[in-house]
mmCIF file of all heavy atoms, coordinates in Angstrom:
data_MODEL
# 
_entry.id   MODEL 
# 
loop_
_atom_site.group_PDB 
_atom_site.id 
_atom_site.type_symbol 
_atom_site.label_atom_id 
_atom_site.label_alt_id 
_atom_site.label_comp_id 
_atom_site.label_asym_id 
_atom_site.label_entity_id 
_atom_site.label_seq_id 
_atom_site.pdbx_PDB_ins_code 
_atom_site.Cartn_x 
_atom_site.Cartn_y 
_atom_site.Cartn_z 
_atom_site.occupancy 
_atom_site.B_iso_or_equiv 
_atom_site.pdbx_formal_charge 
_atom_site.auth_seq_id 
_atom_site.auth_comp_id 
_atom_site.auth_asym_id 
_atom_site.auth_atom_id 
_atom_site.pdbx_PDB_model_num 
ATOM 1   N N   . LYS A 1 1  ? -10.921 93.057  19.174 1.00 0.00 ? 1  LYS A N   1 
ATOM 2   C CA  . LYS A 1 1  ? -11.207 92.420  20.467 1.00 0.00 ? 1  LYS A CA  1 
ATOM 3   C C   . LYS A 1 1  ? -10.401 91.145  20.651 1.00 0.00 ? 1  LYS A C   1 
ATOM 4   O O   . LYS A 1 1  ? -9.845  90.896  21.700 1.00 0.00 ? 1  LYS A O   1 
ATOM 5   C CB  . LYS A 1 1  ? -12.664 92.115  20.588 1.00 0.00 ? 1  LYS A CB  1 
ATOM 6   C CG  . LYS A 1 1  ? -13.582 93.363  20.701 1.00 0.00 ? 1  LYS A CG  1 
ATOM 7   C CD  . LYS A 1 1  ? -15.070 92.956  20.828 1.00 0.00 ? 1  LYS A CD  1 
ATOM 8   C CE  . LYS A 1 1  ? -15.976 94.158  20.947 1.00 0.00 ? 1  LYS A CE  1 
ATOM 9   N NZ  . LYS A 1 1  ? -17.423 93.767  20.994 1.00 0.00 ? 1  LYS A NZ  1 
ATOM 10  N N   . PHE A 1 2  ? -10.365 90.333  19.576 1.00 0.00 ? 2  PHE A N   1 
ATOM 11  C CA  . PHE A 1 2  ? -9.615  89.065  19.609 1.00 0.00 ? 2  PHE A CA  1 
ATOM 12  C C   . PHE A 1 2  ? -8.146  89.327  19.861 1.00 0.00 ? 2  PHE A C   1 
ATOM 13  O O   . PHE A 1 2  ? -7.534  88.702  20.741 1.00 0.00 ? 2  PHE A O   1 
ATOM 14  C CB  . PHE A 1 2  ? -9.813  88.299  18.321 1.00 0.00 ? 2  PHE A CB  1 
ATOM 15  C CG  . PHE A 1 2  ? -9.088  87.018  18.278 1.00 0.00 ? 2  PHE A CG  1 
ATOM 16  C CD1 . PHE A 1 2  ? -9.626  85.812  18.850 1.00 0.00 ? 2  PHE A CD1 1 
ATOM 17  C CD2 . PHE A 1 2  ? -7.860  86.886  17.623 1.00 0.00 ? 2  PHE A CD2 1 
ATOM 18  C CE1 . PHE A 1 2  ? -8.962  84.669  18.793 1.00 0.00 ? 2  PHE A CE1 1 
ATOM 19  C CE2 . PHE A 1 2  ? -7.151  85.670  17.590 1.00 0.00 ? 2  PHE A CE2 1 
ATOM 20  C CZ  . PHE A 1 2  ? -7.732  84.503  18.189 1.00 0.00 ? 2  PHE A CZ  1 
ATOM 21  N N   . ALA A 1 3  ? -7.530  90.235  19.096 1.00 0.00 ? 3  ALA A N   1 
ATOM 22  C CA  . ALA A 1 3  ? -6.120  90.578  19.249 1.00 0.00 ? 3  ALA A CA  1 
ATOM 23  C C   . ALA A 1 3  ? -5.805  91.133  20.660 1.00 0.00 ? 3  ALA A C   1 
ATOM 24  O O   . ALA A 1 3  ? -4.792  90.755  21.298 1.00 0.00 ? 3  ALA A O   1 
ATOM 25  C CB  . ALA A 1 3  ? -5.685  91.571  18.200 1.00 0.00 ? 3  ALA A CB  1 
ATOM 26  N N   . LYS A 1 4  ? -6.721  91.921  21.156 1.00 0.00 ? 4  LYS A N   1 
ATOM 27  C CA  . LYS A 1 4  ? -6.537  92.478  22.524 1.00 0.00 ? 4  LYS A CA  1 
ATOM 28  C C   . LYS A 1 4  ? -6.587  91.357  23.567 1.00 0.00 ? 4  LYS A C   1 
ATOM 29  O O   . LYS A 1 4  ? -5.736  91.351  24.518 1.00 0.00 ? 4  LYS A O   1 
ATOM 30  C CB  . LYS A 1 4  ? -7.678  93.502  22.833 1.00 0.00 ? 4  LYS A CB  1 
ATOM 31  C CG  . LYS A 1 4  ? -7.559  94.216  24.168 1.00 0.00 ? 4  LYS A CG  1 
ATOM 32  C CD  . LYS A 1 4  ? -6.430  95.222  24.113 1.00 0.00 ? 4  LYS A CD  1 
ATOM 33  C CE  . LYS A 1 4  ? -6.467  96.073  25.358 1.00 0.00 ? 4  LYS A CE  1 
ATOM 34  N NZ  . LYS A 1 4  ? -5.340  97.061  25.329 1.00 0.00 ? 4  LYS A NZ  1 
ATOM 35  N N   . ASP A 1 5  ? -7.526  90.459  23.426 1.00 0.00 ? 5  ASP A N   1 
ATOM 36  C CA  . ASP A 1 5  ? -7.668  89.311  24.392 1.00 0.00 ? 5  ASP A CA  1 
ATOM 37  C C   . ASP A 1 5  ? -6.389  88.464  24.341 1.00 0.00 ? 5  ASP A C   1 
ATOM 38  O O   . ASP A 1 5  ? -6.055  87.821  25.354 1.00 0.00 ? 5  ASP A O   1 
ATOM 39  C CB  . ASP A 1 5  ? -8.876  88.489  24.069 1.00 0.00 ? 5  ASP A CB  1 
ATOM 40  C CG  . ASP A 1 5  ? -10.186 89.192  24.384 1.00 0.00 ? 5  ASP A CG  1 
ATOM 41  O OD1 . ASP A 1 5  ? -10.182 90.160  25.197 1.00 0.00 ? 5  ASP A OD1 1 
ATOM 42  O OD2 . ASP A 1 5  ? -11.233 88.777  23.887 1.00 0.00 ? 5  ASP A OD2 1 
ATOM 43  N N   . CYS A 1 6  ? -5.758  88.414  23.200 1.00 0.00 ? 6  CYS A N   1 
ATOM 44  C CA  . CYS A 1 6  ? -4.528  87.576  23.039 1.00 0.00 ? 6  CYS A CA  1 
ATOM 45  C C   . CYS A 1 6  ? -3.260  88.258  23.490 1.00 0.00 ? 6  CYS A C   1 
ATOM 46  O O   . CYS A 1 6  ? -2.190  87.697  23.467 1.00 0.00 ? 6  CYS A O   1 
ATOM 47  C CB  . CYS A 1 6  ? -4.409  87.170  21.557 1.00 0.00 ? 6  CYS A CB  1 
ATOM 48  S SG  . CYS A 1 6  ? -5.679  85.962  20.983 1.00 0.00 ? 6  CYS A SG  1 
ATOM 49  N N   . GLY A 1 7  ? -3.388  89.503  23.950 1.00 0.00 ? 7  GLY A N   1 
ATOM 50  C CA  . GLY A 1 7  ? -2.279  90.235  24.492 1.00 0.00 ? 7  GLY A CA  1 
ATOM 51  C C   . GLY A 1 7  ? -1.552  91.131  23.514 1.00 0.00 ? 7  GLY A C   1 
ATOM 52  O O   . GLY A 1 7  ? -0.449  91.716  23.929 1.00 0.00 ? 7  GLY A O   1 
ATOM 53  N N   . ALA A 1 8  ? -2.013  91.292  22.301 1.00 0.00 ? 8  ALA A N   1 
ATOM 54  C CA  . ALA A 1 8  ? -1.333  92.179  21.313 1.00 0.00 ? 8  ALA A CA  1 
ATOM 55  C C   . ALA A 1 8  ? -1.573  93.626  21.677 1.00 0.00 ? 8  ALA A C   1 
ATOM 56  O O   . ALA A 1 8  ? -2.576  93.977  22.361 1.00 0.00 ? 8  ALA A O   1 
ATOM 57  C CB  . ALA A 1 8  ? -1.848  91.881  19.917 1.00 0.00 ? 8  ALA A CB  1 
ATOM 58  N N   . ARG A 1 9  ? -0.697  94.463  21.240 1.00 0.00 ? 9  ARG A N   1 
ATOM 59  C CA  . ARG A 1 9  ? -0.848  95.917  21.413 1.00 0.00 ? 9  ARG A CA  1 
ATOM 60  C C   . ARG A 1 9  ? -1.709  96.451  20.207 1.00 0.00 ? 9  ARG A C   1 
ATOM 61  O O   . ARG A 1 9  ? -1.419  96.167  19.061 1.00 0.00 ? 9  ARG A O   1 
ATOM 62  C CB  . ARG A 1 9  ? 0.497   96.603  21.389 1.00 0.00 ? 9  ARG A CB  1 
ATOM 63  C CG  . ARG A 1 9  ? 0.438   98.136  21.737 1.00 0.00 ? 9  ARG A CG  1 
ATOM 64  C CD  . ARG A 1 9  ? 1.809   98.689  22.043 1.00 0.00 ? 9  ARG A CD  1 
ATOM 65  N NE  . ARG A 1 9  ? 1.728   100.106 22.286 1.00 0.00 ? 9  ARG A NE  1 
ATOM 66  C CZ  . ARG A 1 9  ? 1.311   100.665 23.425 1.00 0.00 ? 9  ARG A CZ  1 
ATOM 67  N NH1 . ARG A 1 9  ? 0.909   99.902  24.357 1.00 0.00 ? 9  ARG A NH1 1 
ATOM 68  N NH2 . ARG A 1 9  ? 1.303   101.958 23.542 1.00 0.00 ? 9  ARG A NH2 1 
ATOM 69  N N   . ILE A 1 10 ? -2.779  97.147  20.547 1.00 0.00 ? 10 ILE A N   1 
ATOM 70  C CA  . ILE A 1 10 ? -3.722  97.650  19.504 1.00 0.00 ? 10 ILE A CA  1 
ATOM 71  C C   . ILE A 1 10 ? -3.400  99.100  19.217 1.00 0.00 ? 10 ILE A C   1 
ATOM 72  O O   . ILE A 1 10 ? -3.501  99.946  20.127 1.00 0.00 ? 10 ILE A O   1 
ATOM 73  C CB  . ILE A 1 10 ? -5.153  97.466  19.960 1.00 0.00 ? 10 ILE A CB  1 
ATOM 74  C CG1 . ILE A 1 10 ? -5.408  96.097  20.532 1.00 0.00 ? 10 ILE A CG1 1 
ATOM 75  C CG2 . ILE A 1 10 ? -6.112  97.819  18.861 1.00 0.00 ? 10 ILE A CG2 1 
ATOM 76  C CD1 . ILE A 1 10 ? -5.201  94.961  19.530 1.00 0.00 ? 10 ILE A CD1 1 
ATOM 77  N N   . ILE A 1 11 ? -3.039  99.389  17.965 1.00 0.00 ? 11 ILE A N   1 
ATOM 78  C CA  . ILE A 1 11 ? -2.869  100.749 17.566 1.00 0.00 ? 11 ILE A CA  1 
ATOM 79  C C   . ILE A 1 11 ? -3.791  100.992 16.356 1.00 0.00 ? 11 ILE A C   1 
ATOM 80  O O   . ILE A 1 11 ? -3.857  100.158 15.413 1.00 0.00 ? 11 ILE A O   1 
ATOM 81  C CB  . ILE A 1 11 ? -1.397  101.138 17.238 1.00 0.00 ? 11 ILE A CB  1 
ATOM 82  C CG1 . ILE A 1 11 ? -0.823  100.287 16.143 1.00 0.00 ? 11 ILE A CG1 1 
ATOM 83  C CG2 . ILE A 1 11 ? -0.562  100.942 18.534 1.00 0.00 ? 11 ILE A CG2 1 
ATOM 84  C CD1 . ILE A 1 11 ? 0.586   100.712 15.763 1.00 0.00 ? 11 ILE A CD1 1 
ATOM 85  N N   . CYS A 1 12 ? -4.515  102.049 16.389 1.00 0.00 ? 12 CYS A N   1 
ATOM 86  C CA  . CYS A 1 12 ? -5.639  102.244 15.447 1.00 0.00 ? 12 CYS A CA  1 
ATOM 87  C C   . CYS A 1 12 ? -5.547  103.555 14.664 1.00 0.00 ? 12 CYS A C   1 
ATOM 88  O O   . CYS A 1 12 ? -5.049  104.541 15.151 1.00 0.00 ? 12 CYS A O   1 
ATOM 89  C CB  . CYS A 1 12 ? -6.947  102.196 16.148 1.00 0.00 ? 12 CYS A CB  1 
ATOM 90  S SG  . CYS A 1 12 ? -7.232  100.559 16.994 1.00 0.00 ? 12 CYS A SG  1 
ATOM 91  N N   . ILE A 1 13 ? -6.077  103.522 13.468 1.00 0.00 ? 13 ILE A N   1 
ATOM 92  C CA  . ILE A 1 13 ? -6.355  104.704 12.683 1.00 0.00 ? 13 ILE A CA  1 
ATOM 93  C C   . ILE A 1 13 ? -7.851  104.785 12.515 1.00 0.00 ? 13 ILE A C   1 
ATOM 94  O O   . ILE A 1 13 ? -8.431  103.889 11.831 1.00 0.00 ? 13 ILE A O   1 
ATOM 95  C CB  . ILE A 1 13 ? -5.629  104.667 11.347 1.00 0.00 ? 13 ILE A CB  1 
ATOM 96  C CG1 . ILE A 1 13 ? -4.074  104.539 11.517 1.00 0.00 ? 13 ILE A CG1 1 
ATOM 97  C CG2 . ILE A 1 13 ? -5.952  105.956 10.479 1.00 0.00 ? 13 ILE A CG2 1 
ATOM 98  C CD1 . ILE A 1 13 ? -3.356  104.300 10.232 1.00 0.00 ? 13 ILE A CD1 1 
ATOM 99  N N   . THR A 1 14 ? -8.486  105.790 13.110 1.00 0.00 ? 14 THR A N   1 
ATOM 100 C CA  . THR A 1 14 ? -9.913  105.896 13.070 1.00 0.00 ? 14 THR A CA  1 
ATOM 101 C C   . THR A 1 14 ? -10.333 107.359 13.130 1.00 0.00 ? 14 THR A C   1 
ATOM 102 O O   . THR A 1 14 ? -9.476  108.237 13.063 1.00 0.00 ? 14 THR A O   1 
ATOM 103 C CB  . THR A 1 14 ? -10.574 105.025 14.211 1.00 0.00 ? 14 THR A CB  1 
ATOM 104 O OG1 . THR A 1 14 ? -11.982 104.954 14.029 1.00 0.00 ? 14 THR A OG1 1 
ATOM 105 C CG2 . THR A 1 14 ? -10.254 105.589 15.609 1.00 0.00 ? 14 THR A CG2 1 
ATOM 106 N N   . ASP A 1 15 ? -11.660 107.623 13.272 1.00 0.00 ? 15 ASP A N   1 
ATOM 107 C CA  . ASP A 1 15 ? -12.103 109.025 13.123 1.00 0.00 ? 15 ASP A CA  1 
ATOM 108 C C   . ASP A 1 15 ? -12.233 109.758 14.434 1.00 0.00 ? 15 ASP A C   1 
ATOM 109 O O   . ASP A 1 15 ? -12.362 111.002 14.422 1.00 0.00 ? 15 ASP A O   1 
ATOM 110 C CB  . ASP A 1 15 ? -13.432 109.025 12.445 1.00 0.00 ? 15 ASP A CB  1 
ATOM 111 C CG  . ASP A 1 15 ? -14.526 108.298 13.173 1.00 0.00 ? 15 ASP A CG  1 
ATOM 112 O OD1 . ASP A 1 15 ? -14.267 107.270 13.682 1.00 0.00 ? 15 ASP A OD1 1 
ATOM 113 O OD2 . ASP A 1 15 ? -15.639 108.832 13.306 1.00 0.00 ? 15 ASP A OD2 1 
ATOM 114 N N   . GLY A 1 16 ? -12.147 109.118 15.584 1.00 0.00 ? 16 GLY A N   1 
ATOM 115 C CA  . GLY A 1 16 ? -12.239 109.849 16.836 1.00 0.00 ? 16 GLY A CA  1 
ATOM 116 C C   . GLY A 1 16 ? -12.385 108.918 18.008 1.00 0.00 ? 16 GLY A C   1 
ATOM 117 O O   . GLY A 1 16 ? -12.452 107.743 17.913 1.00 0.00 ? 16 GLY A O   1 
ATOM 118 N N   . GLU A 1 17 ? -12.480 109.543 19.208 1.00 0.00 ? 17 GLU A N   1 
ATOM 119 C CA  . GLU A 1 17 ? -12.506 108.835 20.438 1.00 0.00 ? 17 GLU A CA  1 
ATOM 120 C C   . GLU A 1 17 ? -13.847 108.020 20.603 1.00 0.00 ? 17 GLU A C   1 
ATOM 121 O O   . GLU A 1 17 ? -13.911 107.106 21.420 1.00 0.00 ? 17 GLU A O   1 
ATOM 122 C CB  . GLU A 1 17 ? -12.378 109.772 21.655 1.00 0.00 ? 17 GLU A CB  1 
ATOM 123 C CG  . GLU A 1 17 ? -11.002 110.432 21.705 1.00 0.00 ? 17 GLU A CG  1 
ATOM 124 C CD  . GLU A 1 17 ? -10.859 111.367 22.930 1.00 0.00 ? 17 GLU A CD  1 
ATOM 125 O OE1 . GLU A 1 17 ? -11.927 111.541 23.655 1.00 0.00 ? 17 GLU A OE1 1 
ATOM 126 O OE2 . GLU A 1 17 ? -9.779  111.886 23.176 1.00 0.00 ? 17 GLU A OE2 1 
ATOM 127 N N   . ASN A 1 18 ? -14.836 108.392 19.840 1.00 0.00 ? 18 ASN A N   1 
ATOM 128 C CA  . ASN A 1 18 ? -16.112 107.629 19.922 1.00 0.00 ? 18 ASN A CA  1 
ATOM 129 C C   . ASN A 1 18 ? -16.166 106.446 18.987 1.00 0.00 ? 18 ASN A C   1 
ATOM 130 O O   . ASN A 1 18 ? -17.225 105.736 18.955 1.00 0.00 ? 18 ASN A O   1 
ATOM 131 C CB  . ASN A 1 18 ? -17.262 108.618 19.593 1.00 0.00 ? 18 ASN A CB  1 
ATOM 132 C CG  . ASN A 1 18 ? -17.463 109.657 20.677 1.00 0.00 ? 18 ASN A CG  1 
ATOM 133 O OD1 . ASN A 1 18 ? -17.394 109.372 21.840 1.00 0.00 ? 18 ASN A OD1 1 
ATOM 134 N ND2 . ASN A 1 18 ? -17.640 110.916 20.256 1.00 0.00 ? 18 ASN A ND2 1 
ATOM 135 N N   . SER A 1 19 ? -15.107 106.197 18.284 1.00 0.00 ? 19 SER A N   1 
ATOM 136 C CA  . SER A 1 19 ? -15.051 105.009 17.437 1.00 0.00 ? 19 SER A CA  1 
ATOM 137 C C   . SER A 1 19 ? -15.242 103.717 18.309 1.00 0.00 ? 19 SER A C   1 
ATOM 138 O O   . SER A 1 19 ? -14.708 103.671 19.456 1.00 0.00 ? 19 SER A O   1 
ATOM 139 C CB  . SER A 1 19 ? -13.747 104.950 16.726 1.00 0.00 ? 19 SER A CB  1 
ATOM 140 O OG  . SER A 1 19 ? -13.531 103.671 16.043 1.00 0.00 ? 19 SER A OG  1 
ATOM 141 N N   . PRO A 1 20 ? -15.918 102.695 17.809 1.00 0.00 ? 20 PRO A N   1 
ATOM 142 C CA  . PRO A 1 20 ? -16.154 101.527 18.622 1.00 0.00 ? 20 PRO A CA  1 
ATOM 143 C C   . PRO A 1 20 ? -14.887 100.692 18.939 1.00 0.00 ? 20 PRO A C   1 
ATOM 144 O O   . PRO A 1 20 ? -14.910 99.844  19.853 1.00 0.00 ? 20 PRO A O   1 
ATOM 145 C CB  . PRO A 1 20 ? -17.128 100.655 17.810 1.00 0.00 ? 20 PRO A CB  1 
ATOM 146 C CG  . PRO A 1 20 ? -17.009 101.180 16.407 1.00 0.00 ? 20 PRO A CG  1 
ATOM 147 C CD  . PRO A 1 20 ? -16.617 102.641 16.542 1.00 0.00 ? 20 PRO A CD  1 
ATOM 148 N N   . ILE A 1 21 ? -13.782 100.970 18.264 1.00 0.00 ? 21 ILE A N   1 
ATOM 149 C CA  . ILE A 1 21 ? -12.523 100.286 18.531 1.00 0.00 ? 21 ILE A CA  1 
ATOM 150 C C   . ILE A 1 21 ? -11.716 101.067 19.595 1.00 0.00 ? 21 ILE A C   1 
ATOM 151 O O   . ILE A 1 21 ? -10.710 100.538 20.063 1.00 0.00 ? 21 ILE A O   1 
ATOM 152 C CB  . ILE A 1 21 ? -11.683 99.993  17.306 1.00 0.00 ? 21 ILE A CB  1 
ATOM 153 C CG1 . ILE A 1 21 ? -11.316 101.281 16.554 1.00 0.00 ? 21 ILE A CG1 1 
ATOM 154 C CG2 . ILE A 1 21 ? -12.430 99.012  16.402 1.00 0.00 ? 21 ILE A CG2 1 
ATOM 155 C CD1 . ILE A 1 21 ? -10.384 101.042 15.374 1.00 0.00 ? 21 ILE A CD1 1 
ATOM 156 N N   . ALA A 1 22 ? -12.117 102.298 19.908 1.00 0.00 ? 22 ALA A N   1 
ATOM 157 C CA  . ALA A 1 22 ? -11.357 103.102 20.819 1.00 0.00 ? 22 ALA A CA  1 
ATOM 158 C C   . ALA A 1 22 ? -11.177 102.481 22.221 1.00 0.00 ? 22 ALA A C   1 
ATOM 159 O O   . ALA A 1 22 ? -10.081 102.506 22.771 1.00 0.00 ? 22 ALA A O   1 
ATOM 160 C CB  . ALA A 1 22 ? -11.998 104.475 20.991 1.00 0.00 ? 22 ALA A CB  1 
ATOM 161 N N   . PRO A 1 23 ? -12.198 101.813 22.803 1.00 0.00 ? 23 PRO A N   1 
ATOM 162 C CA  . PRO A 1 23 ? -12.016 101.210 24.164 1.00 0.00 ? 23 PRO A CA  1 
ATOM 163 C C   . PRO A 1 23 ? -10.955 100.172 24.191 1.00 0.00 ? 23 PRO A C   1 
ATOM 164 O O   . PRO A 1 23 ? -10.471 99.802  25.279 1.00 0.00 ? 23 PRO A O   1 
ATOM 165 C CB  . PRO A 1 23 ? -13.421 100.714 24.468 1.00 0.00 ? 23 PRO A CB  1 
ATOM 166 C CG  . PRO A 1 23 ? -14.338 101.476 23.623 1.00 0.00 ? 23 PRO A CG  1 
ATOM 167 C CD  . PRO A 1 23 ? -13.608 101.708 22.365 1.00 0.00 ? 23 PRO A CD  1 
ATOM 168 N N   . PHE A 1 24 ? -10.646 99.536  23.094 1.00 0.00 ? 24 PHE A N   1 
ATOM 169 C CA  . PHE A 1 24 ? -9.667  98.412  23.050 1.00 0.00 ? 24 PHE A CA  1 
ATOM 170 C C   . PHE A 1 24 ? -8.320  98.849  22.579 1.00 0.00 ? 24 PHE A C   1 
ATOM 171 O O   . PHE A 1 24 ? -7.420  98.088  22.537 1.00 0.00 ? 24 PHE A O   1 
ATOM 172 C CB  . PHE A 1 24 ? -10.223 97.340  22.132 1.00 0.00 ? 24 PHE A CB  1 
ATOM 173 C CG  . PHE A 1 24 ? -11.654 96.972  22.376 1.00 0.00 ? 24 PHE A CG  1 
ATOM 174 C CD1 . PHE A 1 24 ? -12.668 97.431  21.577 1.00 0.00 ? 24 PHE A CD1 1 
ATOM 175 C CD2 . PHE A 1 24 ? -11.942 96.144  23.460 1.00 0.00 ? 24 PHE A CD2 1 
ATOM 176 C CE1 . PHE A 1 24 ? -13.978 97.088  21.823 1.00 0.00 ? 24 PHE A CE1 1 
ATOM 177 C CE2 . PHE A 1 24 ? -13.292 95.779  23.668 1.00 0.00 ? 24 PHE A CE2 1 
ATOM 178 C CZ  . PHE A 1 24 ? -14.300 96.277  22.882 1.00 0.00 ? 24 PHE A CZ  1 
ATOM 179 N N   . SER A 1 25 ? -8.167  100.169 22.278 1.00 0.00 ? 25 SER A N   1 
ATOM 180 C CA  . SER A 1 25 ? -6.928  100.661 21.633 1.00 0.00 ? 25 SER A CA  1 
ATOM 181 C C   . SER A 1 25 ? -5.932  101.140 22.676 1.00 0.00 ? 25 SER A C   1 
ATOM 182 O O   . SER A 1 25 ? -6.275  101.765 23.643 1.00 0.00 ? 25 SER A O   1 
ATOM 183 C CB  . SER A 1 25 ? -7.255  101.794 20.648 1.00 0.00 ? 25 SER A CB  1 
ATOM 184 O OG  . SER A 1 25 ? -8.102  101.352 19.664 1.00 0.00 ? 25 SER A OG  1 
ATOM 185 N N   . ASP A 1 26 ? -4.628  100.833 22.463 1.00 0.00 ? 26 ASP A N   1 
ATOM 186 C CA  . ASP A 1 26 ? -3.606  101.332 23.302 1.00 0.00 ? 26 ASP A CA  1 
ATOM 187 C C   . ASP A 1 26 ? -3.084  102.694 22.761 1.00 0.00 ? 26 ASP A C   1 
ATOM 188 O O   . ASP A 1 26 ? -2.502  103.468 23.530 1.00 0.00 ? 26 ASP A O   1 
ATOM 189 C CB  . ASP A 1 26 ? -2.427  100.342 23.313 1.00 0.00 ? 26 ASP A CB  1 
ATOM 190 C CG  . ASP A 1 26 ? -2.827  99.020  23.924 1.00 0.00 ? 26 ASP A CG  1 
ATOM 191 O OD1 . ASP A 1 26 ? -3.120  98.987  25.126 1.00 0.00 ? 26 ASP A OD1 1 
ATOM 192 O OD2 . ASP A 1 26 ? -2.904  97.989  23.203 1.00 0.00 ? 26 ASP A OD2 1 
# 
């Protein structure tokens, strides 16, 4: 959330679309 607010591009490795970081991921 902090990185997203600062304008960084968020790329994630997680288990699926329901992951709590999914809404913030590019």
